[in-house]
N, C-alpha and C. Protein backbone atom coordinates (compact mmCIF):
# COMPACT_ATOMS: atom_id res chain seq x y z
N MET A 1 0.02 -20.56 -21.33
CA MET A 1 -1.08 -21.21 -20.91
C MET A 1 -1.99 -21.32 -22.12
N THR A 2 -2.44 -22.57 -22.41
CA THR A 2 -2.90 -23.10 -23.59
C THR A 2 -4.52 -22.78 -23.36
N GLY A 3 -5.47 -22.94 -24.29
CA GLY A 3 -6.67 -22.51 -24.02
C GLY A 3 -7.34 -23.49 -23.43
N ARG A 4 -6.71 -24.82 -23.63
CA ARG A 4 -7.43 -25.98 -22.42
C ARG A 4 -6.91 -25.83 -21.16
N THR A 5 -6.01 -25.56 -21.03
CA THR A 5 -5.79 -25.04 -19.33
C THR A 5 -6.45 -24.09 -18.88
N LYS A 6 -6.54 -23.05 -19.85
CA LYS A 6 -7.60 -21.76 -19.14
C LYS A 6 -9.16 -22.20 -18.97
N GLY A 7 -9.53 -23.27 -20.12
CA GLY A 7 -10.67 -23.57 -19.46
C GLY A 7 -10.91 -24.31 -18.63
N LEU A 8 -9.96 -25.24 -18.15
CA LEU A 8 -9.85 -26.28 -17.10
C LEU A 8 -9.81 -25.33 -15.68
N VAL A 9 -8.97 -24.69 -16.00
CA VAL A 9 -9.02 -23.43 -14.61
C VAL A 9 -10.25 -22.49 -14.36
N VAL A 10 -11.05 -22.57 -15.37
CA VAL A 10 -12.65 -21.70 -15.05
C VAL A 10 -13.61 -23.00 -14.97
N ALA A 11 -13.21 -23.78 -15.20
CA ALA A 11 -14.34 -25.16 -14.81
C ALA A 11 -14.07 -25.19 -13.41
N ALA A 12 -12.66 -25.36 -12.49
CA ALA A 12 -12.43 -25.96 -11.62
C ALA A 12 -13.14 -24.60 -10.48
N LEU A 13 -12.96 -23.36 -11.02
CA LEU A 13 -13.46 -22.23 -10.33
C LEU A 13 -14.75 -22.34 -10.30
N HIS A 14 -15.57 -22.53 -11.04
CA HIS A 14 -17.04 -22.72 -11.11
C HIS A 14 -17.16 -23.64 -10.16
N ILE A 15 -16.74 -25.05 -10.29
CA ILE A 15 -17.04 -25.83 -9.16
C ILE A 15 -16.60 -25.74 -8.03
N GLY A 16 -15.57 -25.11 -7.51
CA GLY A 16 -15.76 -24.98 -6.40
C GLY A 16 -16.53 -23.56 -5.74
N ILE A 17 -17.06 -22.88 -6.76
CA ILE A 17 -18.07 -21.74 -6.26
C ILE A 17 -19.37 -22.51 -5.92
N VAL A 18 -19.64 -23.69 -6.68
CA VAL A 18 -21.06 -24.35 -6.46
C VAL A 18 -20.86 -25.05 -5.51
N CYS A 19 -19.43 -25.78 -5.05
CA CYS A 19 -19.39 -26.54 -3.79
C CYS A 19 -19.39 -25.93 -2.61
N THR A 20 -18.72 -24.53 -2.90
CA THR A 20 -18.91 -23.91 -1.43
C THR A 20 -20.12 -23.37 -0.97
N LEU A 21 -21.35 -22.85 -2.22
CA LEU A 21 -22.70 -22.68 -1.82
C LEU A 21 -23.28 -23.62 -1.10
N GLY A 22 -22.91 -25.18 -1.68
CA GLY A 22 -23.78 -26.28 -1.30
C GLY A 22 -23.26 -26.75 0.12
N ALA A 23 -21.97 -26.35 0.38
CA ALA A 23 -21.36 -26.36 2.05
C ALA A 23 -21.97 -25.59 2.68
N LYS A 24 -22.25 -24.18 2.45
CA LYS A 24 -22.80 -23.37 3.34
C LYS A 24 -24.21 -23.55 3.57
N LEU A 25 -25.04 -23.96 2.62
CA LEU A 25 -26.77 -24.58 2.85
C LEU A 25 -26.58 -25.72 3.61
N LEU A 26 -25.59 -26.40 3.67
CA LEU A 26 -25.83 -27.88 4.86
C LEU A 26 -25.32 -27.32 6.18
N ALA A 27 -24.25 -26.22 5.82
CA ALA A 27 -23.89 -25.69 7.37
C ALA A 27 -25.09 -25.13 7.96
N ASP A 28 -25.86 -24.32 7.33
CA ASP A 28 -27.05 -23.80 7.44
C ASP A 28 -27.81 -24.48 8.35
N ARG A 29 -28.23 -25.87 7.55
CA ARG A 29 -29.42 -26.61 8.09
C ARG A 29 -28.88 -27.29 9.27
N ALA A 30 -27.51 -27.45 9.62
CA ALA A 30 -27.34 -28.27 10.70
C ALA A 30 -27.11 -27.24 11.63
N THR A 31 -26.84 -25.69 11.55
CA THR A 31 -26.61 -24.91 12.80
C THR A 31 -28.07 -24.07 13.00
N LEU A 32 -28.29 -23.67 12.13
CA LEU A 32 -29.69 -22.40 12.38
C LEU A 32 -30.85 -23.30 12.83
N PRO A 33 -31.78 -22.17 13.47
CA PRO A 33 -33.15 -22.85 13.90
C PRO A 33 -33.89 -23.70 12.81
N ARG A 34 -34.39 -24.86 12.66
CA ARG A 34 -35.48 -25.45 11.67
C ARG A 34 -36.76 -25.68 12.30
N VAL A 35 -38.00 -25.55 11.75
CA VAL A 35 -39.34 -25.75 12.20
C VAL A 35 -40.13 -26.02 10.98
N TRP A 36 -41.19 -27.00 11.29
CA TRP A 36 -42.31 -27.40 10.66
C TRP A 36 -43.36 -25.94 10.56
N ALA A 37 -43.79 -25.38 9.59
CA ALA A 37 -44.65 -24.26 9.16
C ALA A 37 -45.87 -24.44 8.48
N GLU A 38 -47.12 -24.29 8.88
CA GLU A 38 -47.98 -24.62 7.53
C GLU A 38 -47.95 -23.53 6.80
N VAL A 39 -48.59 -24.04 5.49
CA VAL A 39 -48.46 -22.67 4.28
C VAL A 39 -49.54 -23.12 3.48
N ALA A 40 -49.85 -22.16 2.82
CA ALA A 40 -50.89 -22.03 1.90
C ALA A 40 -50.49 -21.95 0.55
N PRO A 41 -50.82 -22.86 -0.63
CA PRO A 41 -50.54 -22.60 -2.17
C PRO A 41 -50.52 -21.23 -2.43
N TYR A 42 -49.90 -20.74 -3.13
CA TYR A 42 -49.96 -19.52 -3.90
C TYR A 42 -49.49 -19.81 -5.29
N ASP A 43 -50.35 -19.28 -6.11
CA ASP A 43 -50.16 -19.61 -7.70
C ASP A 43 -49.85 -18.11 -8.44
N PRO A 44 -48.82 -17.72 -8.48
CA PRO A 44 -48.54 -16.38 -9.01
C PRO A 44 -49.21 -15.98 -10.56
N ASP A 45 -49.57 -17.23 -11.12
CA ASP A 45 -50.22 -17.09 -12.33
C ASP A 45 -49.26 -16.58 -13.42
N LEU A 46 -48.43 -16.96 -13.47
CA LEU A 46 -47.24 -16.73 -14.58
C LEU A 46 -47.10 -17.77 -15.64
N PRO A 47 -46.94 -17.40 -17.05
CA PRO A 47 -47.06 -18.23 -17.90
C PRO A 47 -45.92 -19.16 -17.82
N ILE A 48 -44.99 -19.06 -17.47
CA ILE A 48 -43.72 -19.57 -17.37
C ILE A 48 -43.22 -19.70 -15.96
N ARG A 49 -43.81 -21.17 -15.51
CA ARG A 49 -43.71 -21.08 -14.08
C ARG A 49 -42.15 -22.01 -13.68
N GLY A 50 -41.95 -22.96 -14.37
CA GLY A 50 -40.95 -23.96 -13.94
C GLY A 50 -41.80 -24.85 -12.99
N ARG A 51 -41.07 -26.14 -12.60
CA ARG A 51 -41.17 -27.42 -11.63
C ARG A 51 -41.15 -26.64 -10.14
N TYR A 52 -42.17 -26.08 -9.66
CA TYR A 52 -41.84 -25.75 -8.33
C TYR A 52 -42.96 -25.09 -7.92
N VAL A 53 -43.28 -24.97 -6.55
CA VAL A 53 -44.63 -24.95 -5.65
C VAL A 53 -44.26 -23.55 -5.16
N SER A 54 -44.99 -22.52 -5.21
CA SER A 54 -45.22 -21.28 -4.50
C SER A 54 -46.02 -21.69 -3.39
N LEU A 55 -45.29 -20.92 -2.28
CA LEU A 55 -46.10 -21.25 -0.69
C LEU A 55 -45.90 -20.17 0.12
N GLN A 56 -47.02 -19.69 0.75
CA GLN A 56 -46.82 -18.53 1.65
C GLN A 56 -46.98 -19.16 2.89
N VAL A 57 -46.00 -19.01 3.65
CA VAL A 57 -45.70 -19.57 5.01
C VAL A 57 -46.51 -18.83 6.14
N LYS A 58 -47.08 -19.44 6.98
CA LYS A 58 -48.22 -18.81 8.09
C LYS A 58 -47.28 -18.75 9.16
N VAL A 59 -47.16 -17.86 9.91
CA VAL A 59 -46.65 -17.62 11.18
C VAL A 59 -47.62 -17.22 12.44
N GLU A 60 -47.23 -17.66 13.32
CA GLU A 60 -48.00 -17.09 14.62
C GLU A 60 -47.78 -15.64 14.98
N PRO A 61 -48.39 -14.80 14.72
CA PRO A 61 -48.21 -13.19 15.21
C PRO A 61 -48.11 -13.25 16.64
N ARG A 62 -47.12 -12.27 16.87
CA ARG A 62 -47.11 -11.75 18.13
C ARG A 62 -46.76 -10.26 18.60
N GLY A 63 -47.79 -9.40 19.34
CA GLY A 63 -47.52 -8.15 19.35
C GLY A 63 -48.41 -7.21 18.47
N PHE A 64 -49.36 -7.81 17.82
CA PHE A 64 -50.04 -6.93 16.63
C PHE A 64 -51.08 -7.14 17.44
N THR A 65 -51.56 -5.61 17.77
CA THR A 65 -52.88 -5.23 18.48
C THR A 65 -53.98 -5.05 17.30
N GLU A 66 -53.45 -4.30 16.19
CA GLU A 66 -54.74 -3.94 15.31
C GLU A 66 -55.40 -5.07 14.61
N ARG A 67 -56.74 -5.26 14.41
CA ARG A 67 -57.47 -6.45 13.97
C ARG A 67 -57.73 -5.85 12.44
N PRO A 68 -57.30 -6.96 11.44
CA PRO A 68 -57.91 -6.37 9.95
C PRO A 68 -59.39 -6.59 9.82
N GLY A 69 -59.97 -5.73 9.10
CA GLY A 69 -61.47 -5.81 8.81
C GLY A 69 -61.60 -7.13 7.89
N PRO A 70 -62.91 -7.41 7.52
CA PRO A 70 -63.33 -8.64 7.04
C PRO A 70 -62.98 -8.74 5.74
N ALA A 71 -63.26 -7.41 5.07
CA ALA A 71 -63.16 -7.23 3.63
C ALA A 71 -61.51 -7.08 3.23
N ALA A 72 -60.67 -6.85 3.82
CA ALA A 72 -59.36 -6.45 3.57
C ALA A 72 -58.37 -6.87 4.80
N PRO A 73 -57.17 -7.61 4.40
CA PRO A 73 -56.20 -8.01 5.23
C PRO A 73 -55.52 -6.89 5.65
N GLY A 74 -54.92 -6.82 6.91
CA GLY A 74 -53.92 -5.95 7.14
C GLY A 74 -52.81 -6.20 7.03
N TYR A 75 -51.73 -5.53 7.00
CA TYR A 75 -50.14 -5.51 6.75
C TYR A 75 -49.36 -5.03 7.78
N GLY A 76 -48.56 -5.67 8.22
CA GLY A 76 -47.18 -5.33 9.14
C GLY A 76 -46.16 -5.98 8.74
N TYR A 77 -45.19 -5.75 9.70
CA TYR A 77 -43.55 -6.33 9.70
C TYR A 77 -43.27 -7.21 11.00
N GLY A 78 -42.74 -8.17 10.73
CA GLY A 78 -42.25 -9.35 11.78
C GLY A 78 -41.02 -9.62 11.90
N HIS A 79 -40.45 -10.06 12.80
CA HIS A 79 -39.15 -10.71 12.96
C HIS A 79 -39.47 -12.06 13.45
N LEU A 80 -38.85 -13.04 12.51
CA LEU A 80 -39.11 -14.21 12.42
C LEU A 80 -38.23 -15.24 13.64
N SER A 81 -38.92 -16.14 14.29
CA SER A 81 -38.06 -16.71 15.30
C SER A 81 -38.75 -17.80 15.66
N VAL A 82 -38.05 -18.86 16.29
CA VAL A 82 -38.51 -20.24 16.31
C VAL A 82 -38.77 -20.56 18.17
N GLU A 83 -40.15 -20.70 18.44
CA GLU A 83 -40.56 -21.24 20.12
C GLU A 83 -41.07 -22.46 19.76
N GLY A 84 -40.19 -23.22 20.44
CA GLY A 84 -41.04 -24.79 20.61
C GLY A 84 -40.98 -25.20 19.21
N ASP A 85 -41.87 -25.63 18.78
CA ASP A 85 -41.98 -26.18 17.43
C ASP A 85 -43.10 -25.11 16.48
N HIS A 86 -43.07 -23.67 16.80
CA HIS A 86 -43.79 -22.55 16.10
C HIS A 86 -43.06 -21.58 15.68
N LEU A 87 -43.28 -21.40 14.56
CA LEU A 87 -42.61 -20.04 13.59
C LEU A 87 -43.48 -18.97 14.30
N ILE A 88 -42.67 -17.74 14.89
CA ILE A 88 -43.31 -16.61 15.45
C ILE A 88 -42.80 -15.38 14.83
N ALA A 89 -43.68 -14.70 14.39
CA ALA A 89 -43.56 -13.42 13.73
C ALA A 89 -43.69 -12.15 15.10
N THR A 90 -42.97 -11.57 15.58
CA THR A 90 -43.03 -10.57 16.81
C THR A 90 -42.84 -9.11 15.74
N ARG A 91 -43.98 -8.43 15.97
CA ARG A 91 -44.11 -7.04 15.15
C ARG A 91 -42.36 -6.61 15.55
N ALA A 92 -42.21 -6.11 14.21
CA ALA A 92 -40.66 -5.21 14.06
C ALA A 92 -41.09 -4.26 13.40
N ASP A 93 -39.88 -3.08 13.04
CA ASP A 93 -39.77 -2.10 12.36
C ASP A 93 -39.97 -2.48 10.76
N PRO A 94 -40.55 -1.48 9.92
CA PRO A 94 -40.16 -1.96 8.30
C PRO A 94 -38.91 -2.30 8.06
N ASP A 95 -38.03 -1.36 8.44
CA ASP A 95 -36.54 -2.08 7.59
C ASP A 95 -35.54 -3.16 8.54
N GLU A 96 -36.59 -3.87 9.56
CA GLU A 96 -35.84 -4.72 10.51
C GLU A 96 -36.54 -6.49 10.14
N GLY A 97 -38.01 -5.96 9.79
CA GLY A 97 -38.81 -7.27 9.60
C GLY A 97 -38.97 -7.70 8.12
N HIS A 98 -39.91 -8.98 8.16
CA HIS A 98 -40.59 -9.38 6.97
C HIS A 98 -41.87 -8.82 6.59
N PRO A 99 -42.21 -8.48 5.79
CA PRO A 99 -43.45 -8.02 5.50
C PRO A 99 -44.61 -9.21 5.28
N LEU A 100 -45.85 -8.90 6.22
CA LEU A 100 -46.94 -9.93 6.34
C LEU A 100 -48.00 -9.42 6.08
N GLN A 101 -48.93 -10.34 5.83
CA GLN A 101 -50.22 -10.05 5.55
C GLN A 101 -51.16 -10.66 6.91
N LEU A 102 -52.06 -9.86 7.39
CA LEU A 102 -52.75 -10.16 8.63
C LEU A 102 -54.19 -10.44 8.38
N ARG A 103 -54.81 -11.33 8.89
CA ARG A 103 -56.19 -11.49 8.54
C ARG A 103 -56.92 -12.63 9.78
N MET A 104 -58.06 -12.50 9.72
CA MET A 104 -58.85 -13.14 11.07
C MET A 104 -59.08 -14.13 10.45
N GLU A 105 -59.15 -15.31 10.94
CA GLU A 105 -59.56 -16.54 10.47
C GLU A 105 -60.15 -17.27 11.78
N ASN A 106 -61.51 -17.64 11.91
CA ASN A 106 -62.02 -18.17 12.79
C ASN A 106 -61.91 -17.31 14.17
N GLU A 107 -62.09 -16.23 14.54
CA GLU A 107 -61.90 -15.19 15.52
C GLU A 107 -60.42 -15.21 16.05
N ARG A 108 -59.64 -15.72 14.84
CA ARG A 108 -58.12 -15.56 15.66
C ARG A 108 -57.15 -15.03 14.46
N LEU A 109 -56.31 -14.06 14.97
CA LEU A 109 -55.28 -13.17 14.28
C LEU A 109 -53.96 -14.14 13.69
N VAL A 110 -54.33 -14.30 11.89
CA VAL A 110 -53.21 -15.25 11.35
C VAL A 110 -52.56 -14.33 10.54
N ALA A 111 -51.32 -14.75 10.50
CA ALA A 111 -50.26 -13.85 9.35
C ALA A 111 -49.68 -15.08 8.62
N THR A 112 -49.34 -14.41 7.31
CA THR A 112 -48.70 -14.98 6.68
C THR A 112 -47.56 -14.13 5.53
N LEU A 113 -46.19 -14.97 5.49
CA LEU A 113 -45.25 -14.08 4.94
C LEU A 113 -45.77 -13.22 3.51
N SER A 114 -45.65 -12.13 3.36
CA SER A 114 -46.04 -11.60 2.03
C SER A 114 -45.33 -12.01 0.97
N THR A 115 -44.21 -12.40 1.22
CA THR A 115 -43.40 -12.88 0.03
C THR A 115 -43.21 -14.28 -0.14
N PRO A 116 -44.11 -15.05 -1.07
CA PRO A 116 -43.93 -16.52 -1.12
C PRO A 116 -42.49 -17.17 -1.24
N VAL A 117 -42.35 -18.39 -0.59
CA VAL A 117 -41.17 -19.38 -0.89
C VAL A 117 -41.24 -20.04 -2.18
N ALA A 118 -40.29 -20.53 -2.66
CA ALA A 118 -40.34 -21.69 -4.13
C ALA A 118 -39.67 -22.75 -3.24
N TYR A 119 -40.58 -23.76 -3.44
CA TYR A 119 -39.98 -25.17 -3.26
C TYR A 119 -39.89 -25.82 -4.68
N PHE A 120 -38.66 -26.52 -5.08
CA PHE A 120 -38.74 -26.94 -6.49
C PHE A 120 -38.99 -28.53 -6.37
N ILE A 121 -39.57 -29.07 -7.20
CA ILE A 121 -40.15 -30.43 -7.06
C ILE A 121 -39.63 -31.09 -8.47
N PRO A 122 -39.42 -32.33 -8.46
CA PRO A 122 -39.02 -33.13 -9.60
C PRO A 122 -39.81 -32.95 -10.74
N GLU A 123 -39.15 -33.33 -11.91
CA GLU A 123 -40.15 -33.15 -13.21
C GLU A 123 -41.42 -33.95 -13.16
N HIS A 124 -41.38 -35.24 -13.02
CA HIS A 124 -42.47 -35.74 -12.83
C HIS A 124 -43.36 -36.15 -11.42
N ALA A 125 -42.96 -35.24 -10.44
CA ALA A 125 -43.93 -35.37 -9.28
C ALA A 125 -45.27 -34.63 -9.50
N THR A 126 -46.24 -35.27 -8.78
CA THR A 126 -47.52 -34.63 -8.78
C THR A 126 -47.38 -33.36 -7.96
N ASP A 127 -48.40 -32.45 -8.25
CA ASP A 127 -48.22 -31.28 -7.68
C ASP A 127 -48.87 -31.63 -5.91
N PRO A 128 -47.86 -31.20 -5.02
CA PRO A 128 -48.14 -31.27 -3.73
C PRO A 128 -49.00 -30.67 -3.13
N SER A 129 -49.26 -29.05 -3.72
CA SER A 129 -49.99 -27.98 -3.13
C SER A 129 -51.48 -28.44 -2.90
N ARG A 130 -51.91 -29.34 -3.74
CA ARG A 130 -53.33 -29.40 -3.49
C ARG A 130 -53.62 -30.50 -2.06
N ARG A 131 -52.65 -30.73 -1.68
CA ARG A 131 -52.79 -31.51 -0.21
C ARG A 131 -53.41 -30.83 0.74
N ALA A 132 -54.49 -31.28 1.55
CA ALA A 132 -55.23 -30.52 2.67
C ALA A 132 -53.84 -31.00 4.00
N GLY A 133 -53.61 -29.80 4.81
CA GLY A 133 -52.52 -29.74 5.91
C GLY A 133 -51.20 -29.84 5.59
N LEU A 134 -50.82 -29.10 4.32
CA LEU A 134 -49.56 -29.09 3.63
C LEU A 134 -48.53 -28.09 4.67
N MET A 135 -47.75 -28.59 5.01
CA MET A 135 -46.48 -28.08 5.65
C MET A 135 -45.01 -28.25 5.44
N VAL A 136 -44.28 -27.30 5.72
CA VAL A 136 -42.93 -27.29 4.88
C VAL A 136 -41.91 -27.23 6.21
N GLU A 137 -40.97 -27.68 6.12
CA GLU A 137 -39.89 -27.71 7.08
C GLU A 137 -38.89 -26.72 6.50
N VAL A 138 -38.79 -25.41 7.33
CA VAL A 138 -37.97 -24.19 6.84
C VAL A 138 -36.71 -23.97 7.80
N THR A 139 -35.75 -23.57 7.36
CA THR A 139 -34.59 -23.03 8.06
C THR A 139 -34.48 -21.44 8.31
N LEU A 140 -34.23 -20.67 9.20
CA LEU A 140 -34.38 -19.44 9.50
C LEU A 140 -32.99 -19.06 9.41
N PRO A 141 -32.54 -17.85 8.36
CA PRO A 141 -31.11 -17.84 8.43
C PRO A 141 -31.10 -16.30 8.87
N ARG A 142 -30.16 -15.82 9.03
CA ARG A 142 -29.94 -14.77 9.72
C ARG A 142 -30.55 -13.51 8.97
N LYS A 143 -30.78 -13.32 7.71
CA LYS A 143 -31.09 -12.41 6.68
C LYS A 143 -31.75 -13.05 5.68
N GLY A 144 -33.03 -12.60 5.28
CA GLY A 144 -33.72 -13.12 4.27
C GLY A 144 -34.88 -14.01 4.64
N PRO A 145 -36.01 -14.41 3.83
CA PRO A 145 -36.80 -15.13 4.00
C PRO A 145 -36.35 -16.58 4.56
N PRO A 146 -37.43 -17.30 5.12
CA PRO A 146 -37.09 -18.75 5.45
C PRO A 146 -36.79 -19.66 4.14
N ARG A 147 -35.79 -20.61 4.14
CA ARG A 147 -35.43 -21.34 3.18
C ARG A 147 -36.14 -22.94 3.31
N PRO A 148 -37.01 -23.21 2.48
CA PRO A 148 -37.56 -24.69 2.57
C PRO A 148 -36.84 -25.93 2.30
N ILE A 149 -36.93 -26.78 3.09
CA ILE A 149 -35.98 -27.98 3.23
C ILE A 149 -36.96 -29.01 2.43
N ARG A 150 -38.06 -29.26 3.00
CA ARG A 150 -38.95 -30.42 2.59
C ARG A 150 -40.45 -30.24 2.75
N LEU A 151 -40.96 -30.71 2.13
CA LEU A 151 -42.51 -30.82 2.47
C LEU A 151 -43.37 -31.79 3.20
N GLY A 152 -44.33 -31.80 3.92
CA GLY A 152 -44.93 -32.71 4.66
C GLY A 152 -46.32 -32.66 4.76
N VAL A 153 -47.11 -33.37 5.47
CA VAL A 153 -48.64 -33.40 5.38
C VAL A 153 -49.00 -33.74 7.06
N LYS A 154 -49.46 -32.78 7.56
CA LYS A 154 -50.08 -32.86 9.00
C LYS A 154 -51.07 -34.23 8.94
N GLU A 155 -50.91 -34.88 9.85
CA GLU A 155 -51.98 -36.03 10.17
C GLU A 155 -51.90 -36.11 11.50
N GLY A 156 -53.28 -35.71 12.25
CA GLY A 156 -53.31 -35.46 13.55
C GLY A 156 -52.35 -34.61 14.00
N GLU A 157 -51.53 -35.03 15.12
CA GLU A 157 -50.44 -34.30 15.81
C GLU A 157 -49.40 -34.72 15.04
N THR A 158 -49.11 -35.43 14.16
CA THR A 158 -47.92 -35.85 13.65
C THR A 158 -47.63 -35.16 12.21
N ILE A 159 -46.38 -35.18 11.54
CA ILE A 159 -46.26 -34.85 10.33
C ILE A 159 -45.81 -35.58 9.78
N ARG A 160 -45.79 -36.08 8.35
CA ARG A 160 -45.30 -37.18 7.75
C ARG A 160 -44.82 -36.44 6.54
N PRO A 161 -43.64 -36.39 6.19
CA PRO A 161 -42.73 -35.74 5.00
C PRO A 161 -43.14 -36.57 3.75
N LEU A 162 -43.15 -35.90 2.82
CA LEU A 162 -43.79 -36.24 1.46
C LEU A 162 -42.50 -36.93 0.55
N ASP A 163 -42.38 -37.87 0.10
CA ASP A 163 -41.59 -38.26 -0.89
C ASP A 163 -42.03 -38.14 -2.17
N LEU A 164 -40.95 -36.86 -2.48
CA LEU A 164 -41.23 -36.54 -3.71
C LEU A 164 -40.03 -36.96 -4.68
């Protein structure tokens, strides 16, 4: 086998691996639950960030009885699911759930995922994280954090997807 043939075989293997990953993500988008969720921009203050926006996904907490104090947020773990058009976090054990930050907002318990998700944006797009009412459409894989699909802005009761 010549060097050129070996190189073509390795290139074909790499292309096959990338294509199977892309096919898996497309299949997940078609079969797994999808929902729009409110997000809060999160800037980790890293010197090398790339062109992405870090977002903390807000979820509706269920089964959390303790209320965090005004000075410090509370912490817990939740199993993510979709009910109607809401992303829900039901109280879970630490080894089964996603880590959450709990805080009071207008006399209401609000939870955000402790691990922010990254949404990659085009090189010349303006930073969408500064918009009011920012939302993200996510899919919920069986394991791991939600996967962002697209960003949108909530205007009244409707969500308008952003054209980045």
